[in-house]
C-alpha atoms as a PDB file:
ATOM      1  CA  MET A   1      46.487 107.014 103.877  1.00  0.00           C
ATOM      2  CA  ILE A   2      44.173 106.409 106.908  1.00  0.00           C
ATOM      3  CA  THR A   3      44.002 109.279 109.425  1.00  0.00           C
ATOM      4  CA  ILE A   4      42.898 108.409 113.006  1.00  0.00           C
ATOM      5  CA  TYR A   5      42.367 110.997 115.789  1.00  0.00           C
ATOM      6  CA  THR A   6      41.815 109.502 119.345  1.00  0.00           C
ATOM      7  CA  ASP A   7      41.120 110.834 122.789  1.00  0.00           C
ATOM      8  CA  GLY A   8      40.320 109.517 126.283  1.00  0.00           C
ATOM      9  CA  SER A   9      38.697 110.972 129.321  1.00  0.00           C
ATOM     10  CA  ALA A  10      38.147 109.952 132.954  1.00  0.00           C
ATOM     11  CA  LEU A  11      36.068 112.127 135.288  1.00  0.00           C
ATOM     12  CA  GLY A  12      37.912 112.089 138.525  1.00  0.00           C
ATOM     13  CA  ASN A  13      40.752 110.002 137.111  1.00  0.00           C
ATOM     14  CA  PRO A  14      39.977 107.340 138.236  1.00  0.00           C
ATOM     15  CA  GLY A  15      36.298 107.535 137.596  1.00  0.00           C
ATOM     16  CA  PRO A  16      33.739 107.171 134.839  1.00  0.00           C
ATOM     17  CA  GLY A  17      35.645 107.346 131.536  1.00  0.00           C
ATOM     18  CA  GLY A  18      35.237 107.195 127.788  1.00  0.00           C
ATOM     19  CA  TYR A  19      37.139 107.379 124.508  1.00  0.00           C
ATOM     20  CA  GLY A  20      36.465 108.911 121.177  1.00  0.00           C
ATOM     21  CA  VAL A  21      37.821 108.047 117.808  1.00  0.00           C
ATOM     22  CA  VAL A  22      37.565 109.939 114.463  1.00  0.00           C
ATOM     23  CA  MET A  23      38.781 108.062 111.408  1.00  0.00           C
ATOM     24  CA  ARG A  24      39.129 109.315 107.928  1.00  0.00           C
ATOM     25  CA  PHE A  25      39.949 107.570 104.603  1.00  0.00           C
ATOM     26  CA  GLY A  26      39.483 109.597 101.587  1.00  0.00           C
ATOM     27  CA  ASP A  27      36.041 111.150 101.785  1.00  0.00           C
ATOM     28  CA  LYS A  28      34.918 108.566 104.292  1.00  0.00           C
ATOM     29  CA  LYS A  29      34.558 109.433 107.971  1.00  0.00           C
ATOM     30  CA  LYS A  30      33.798 107.074 110.948  1.00  0.00           C
ATOM     31  CA  GLU A  31      33.394 107.878 114.607  1.00  0.00           C
ATOM     32  CA  ILE A  32      33.593 105.482 117.503  1.00  0.00           C
ATOM     33  CA  SER A  33      33.023 105.940 121.222  1.00  0.00           C
ATOM     34  CA  GLU A  34      32.328 103.930 124.383  1.00  0.00           C
ATOM     35  CA  GLY A  35      31.935 104.752 128.149  1.00  0.00           C
ATOM     36  CA  TYR A  36      33.238 102.787 131.118  1.00  0.00           C
ATOM     37  CA  ARG A  37      32.062 103.103 134.678  1.00  0.00           C
ATOM     38  CA  ASN A  38      35.456 103.145 136.390  1.00  0.00           C
ATOM     39  CA  THR A  39      38.758 103.659 134.589  1.00  0.00           C
ATOM     40  CA  THR A  40      41.659 106.040 134.008  1.00  0.00           C
ATOM     41  CA  ASN A  41      42.395 108.726 131.420  1.00  0.00           C
ATOM     42  CA  ASN A  42      45.630 106.895 130.311  1.00  0.00           C
ATOM     43  CA  ARG A  43      43.735 103.712 129.823  1.00  0.00           C
ATOM     44  CA  MET A  44      41.035 105.423 127.758  1.00  0.00           C
ATOM     45  CA  GLU A  45      43.704 107.111 125.583  1.00  0.00           C
ATOM     46  CA  LEU A  46      45.329 103.818 124.824  1.00  0.00           C
ATOM     47  CA  LEU A  47      42.051 101.927 124.414  1.00  0.00           C
ATOM     48  CA  ALA A  48      40.960 104.482 121.781  1.00  0.00           C
ATOM     49  CA  ILE A  49      43.988 103.583 119.645  1.00  0.00           C
ATOM     50  CA  ILE A  50      43.387  99.820 120.147  1.00  0.00           C
ATOM     51  CA  VAL A  51      39.737 100.086 119.135  1.00  0.00           C
ATOM     52  CA  ALA A  52      40.606 102.241 116.061  1.00  0.00           C
ATOM     53  CA  LEU A  53      43.172  99.702 114.831  1.00  0.00           C
ATOM     54  CA  LYS A  54      40.822  96.782 115.407  1.00  0.00           C
ATOM     55  CA  SER A  55      38.090  98.448 113.339  1.00  0.00           C
ATOM     56  CA  LEU A  56      40.331  98.789 110.246  1.00  0.00           C
ATOM     57  CA  LYS A  57      39.660  96.385 107.336  1.00  0.00           C
ATOM     58  CA  SER A  58      43.006  96.479 105.553  1.00  0.00           C
ATOM     59  CA  LYS A  59      46.645  96.750 106.424  1.00  0.00           C
ATOM     60  CA  LYS A  60      47.717  98.019 103.033  1.00  0.00           C
ATOM     61  CA  TYR A  61      47.526 101.749 103.737  1.00  0.00           C
ATOM     62  CA  PRO A  62      49.761 103.884 106.000  1.00  0.00           C
ATOM     63  CA  VAL A  63      48.008 104.826 109.208  1.00  0.00           C
ATOM     64  CA  HIS A  64      48.559 108.166 110.892  1.00  0.00           C
ATOM     65  CA  ILE A  65      47.451 108.298 114.414  1.00  0.00           C
ATOM     66  CA  TYR A  66      46.959 111.624 116.231  1.00  0.00           C
ATOM     67  CA  SER A  67      46.650 111.842 119.982  1.00  0.00           C
ATOM     68  CA  ASP A  68      47.048 114.473 122.604  1.00  0.00           C
ATOM     69  CA  SER A  69      48.301 111.819 125.101  1.00  0.00           C
ATOM     70  CA  LYS A  70      52.099 112.175 125.701  1.00  0.00           C
ATOM     71  CA  TYR A  71      51.785 108.953 127.723  1.00  0.00           C
ATOM     72  CA  VAL A  72      50.756 106.952 124.709  1.00  0.00           C
ATOM     73  CA  ILE A  73      52.781 108.742 121.992  1.00  0.00           C
ATOM     74  CA  ASP A  74      56.005 108.891 123.949  1.00  0.00           C
ATOM     75  CA  SER A  75      55.710 105.324 125.111  1.00  0.00           C
ATOM     76  CA  ILE A  76      55.570 104.165 121.458  1.00  0.00           C
ATOM     77  CA  THR A  77      57.791 106.667 119.629  1.00  0.00           C
ATOM     78  CA  LYS A  78      60.545 106.965 122.208  1.00  0.00           C
ATOM     79  CA  GLY A  79      61.009 103.219 122.479  1.00  0.00           C
ATOM     80  CA  TRP A  80      59.774 102.993 126.098  1.00  0.00           C
ATOM     81  CA  LEU A  81      57.266 100.269 125.174  1.00  0.00           C
ATOM     82  CA  SER A  82      60.074  98.086 123.678  1.00  0.00           C
ATOM     83  CA  GLY A  83      61.997  98.454 126.902  1.00  0.00           C
ATOM     84  CA  TRP A  84      58.914  97.545 128.971  1.00  0.00           C
ATOM     85  CA  VAL A  85      58.446  94.394 126.802  1.00  0.00           C
ATOM     86  CA  LYS A  86      62.146  93.298 127.422  1.00  0.00           C
ATOM     87  CA  LYS A  87      61.610  93.701 131.118  1.00  0.00           C
ATOM     88  CA  GLY A  88      58.384  91.862 131.238  1.00  0.00           C
ATOM     89  CA  PHE A  89      56.406  95.151 131.965  1.00  0.00           C
ATOM     90  CA  LYS A  90      57.804  95.083 135.492  1.00  0.00           C
ATOM     91  CA  GLY A  91      56.387  97.927 137.585  1.00  0.00           C
ATOM     92  CA  LYS A  92      54.258  99.181 134.697  1.00  0.00           C
ATOM     93  CA  LYS A  93      50.648 100.046 134.637  1.00  0.00           C
ATOM     94  CA  ASN A  94      47.995  99.157 131.874  1.00  0.00           C
ATOM     95  CA  ILE A  95      49.879  95.922 130.895  1.00  0.00           C
ATOM     96  CA  ASP A  96      46.688  94.326 129.617  1.00  0.00           C
ATOM     97  CA  LEU A  97      46.116  97.194 127.119  1.00  0.00           C
ATOM     98  CA  TRP A  98      49.834  97.490 126.095  1.00  0.00           C
ATOM     99  CA  LYS A  99      49.747  93.776 125.239  1.00  0.00           C
ATOM    100  CA  GLN A 100      46.508  94.276 123.315  1.00  0.00           C
ATOM    101  CA  TYR A 101      48.080  97.207 121.485  1.00  0.00           C
ATOM    102  CA  LEU A 102      51.168  95.190 120.612  1.00  0.00           C
ATOM    103  CA  GLU A 103      49.030  92.314 119.163  1.00  0.00           C
ATOM    104  CA  VAL A 104      46.617  94.562 117.155  1.00  0.00           C
ATOM    105  CA  SER A 105      49.341  96.905 115.710  1.00  0.00           C
ATOM    106  CA  LYS A 106      51.168  93.952 113.986  1.00  0.00           C
ATOM    107  CA  GLY A 107      51.431  94.421 110.284  1.00  0.00           C
ATOM    108  CA  TYR A 108      50.478  98.153 110.051  1.00  0.00           C
ATOM    109  CA  ASP A 109      52.577 100.928 108.795  1.00  0.00           C
ATOM    110  CA  LEU A 110      51.933 103.219 111.837  1.00  0.00           C
ATOM    111  CA  HIS A 111      52.932 106.841 112.161  1.00  0.00           C
ATOM    112  CA  PHE A 112      52.235 108.542 115.493  1.00  0.00           C
ATOM    113  CA  HIS A 113      51.636 112.339 115.981  1.00  0.00           C
ATOM    114  CA  TRP A 114      51.252 114.244 119.093  1.00  0.00           C
ATOM    115  CA  VAL A 115      48.757 117.148 118.912  1.00  0.00           C
ATOM    116  CA  LYS A 116      48.087 119.732 121.610  1.00  0.00           C
ATOM    117  CA  GLY A 117      44.738 119.113 123.163  1.00  0.00           C
ATOM    118  CA  HIS A 118      42.084 121.916 123.121  1.00  0.00           C
ATOM    119  CA  ALA A 119      44.012 123.957 120.551  1.00  0.00           C
ATOM    120  CA  GLY A 120      41.418 124.060 117.832  1.00  0.00           C
ATOM    121  CA  ASN A 121      42.195 120.911 115.850  1.00  0.00           C
ATOM    122  CA  SER A 122      38.577 119.978 114.852  1.00  0.00           C
ATOM    123  CA  ASP A 123      38.981 116.170 114.765  1.00  0.00           C
ATOM    124  CA  ASN A 124      40.883 116.261 118.120  1.00  0.00           C
ATOM    125  CA  GLU A 125      38.231 118.387 119.630  1.00  0.00           C
ATOM    126  CA  ARG A 126      35.560 116.096 118.254  1.00  0.00           C
ATOM    127  CA  CYS A 127      37.287 113.066 119.850  1.00  0.00           C
ATOM    128  CA  ASP A 128      37.383 114.962 123.233  1.00  0.00           C
ATOM    129  CA  ARG A 129      33.637 115.764 123.023  1.00  0.00           C
ATOM    130  CA  LEU A 130      32.773 112.042 122.206  1.00  0.00           C
ATOM    131  CA  ALA A 131      34.986 110.683 125.108  1.00  0.00           C
ATOM    132  CA  VAL A 132      33.518 113.216 127.560  1.00  0.00           C
ATOM    133  CA  ALA A 133      29.938 112.590 126.623  1.00  0.00           C
ATOM    134  CA  LYS A 134      30.354 108.838 127.057  1.00  0.00           C
ATOM    135  CA  ALA A 135      32.168 109.330 130.375  1.00  0.00           C
ATOM    136  CA  GLU A 136      29.359 111.514 131.589  1.00  0.00           C
ATOM    137  CA  SER A 137      26.312 109.622 130.250  1.00  0.00           C
ATOM    138  CA  GLY A 138      27.412 106.065 129.257  1.00  0.00           C
ATOM    139  CA  PRO A 139      26.148 103.566 128.914  1.00  0.00           C
ATOM    140  CA  HIS A 140      29.087 102.476 131.060  1.00  0.00           C
ATOM    141  CA  LEU A 141      30.768  99.221 130.360  1.00  0.00           C
ATOM    142  CA  ILE A 142      33.245  97.508 132.814  1.00  0.00           C
ATOM    143  CA  ASP A 143      36.934  98.134 132.311  1.00  0.00           C
ATOM    144  CA  GLU A 144      37.851  94.714 133.671  1.00  0.00           C
ATOM    145  CA  GLY A 145      41.550  95.267 133.303  1.00  0.00           C
ATOM    146  CA  PHE A 146      41.234  98.241 135.651  1.00  0.00           C
ATOM    147  CA  GLU A 147      38.606  96.972 138.082  1.00  0.00           C
ATOM    148  CA  ASN A 148      40.074  93.468 138.479  1.00  0.00           C
ATOM    149  CA  ARG A 149      43.727  94.487 138.915  1.00  0.00           C
END
């Protein structure tokens, strides 16, 4: 089993943002984070999951993803995303990232779990620190999907 914790941050929302990822497989641990000059919290929450899935090298293990984002978790687990796809994403935000998620998630045995933020879960707290640090200090990339909308 692969365990992934993710978090996103945007200072000012929108504003400078970042994401953090902590991945575990057996005794191996990997962390990933990036900062963006202008974005939203929801975009960073979703981008963290996309980046984590893109970094995996195999689709043969179940993947458990933990996030404190109700936006992301509920969109996927409650079937909202499927409905958005059927309606061509009419009136929805972050379409570019949702389409990326749909593509990158193909072939994985994914299990999503909501965790309460800032509640003492060490990997969730670490993701938060990574995301906020990148939002505060960068380097800041350009979130073209947000800035060019």
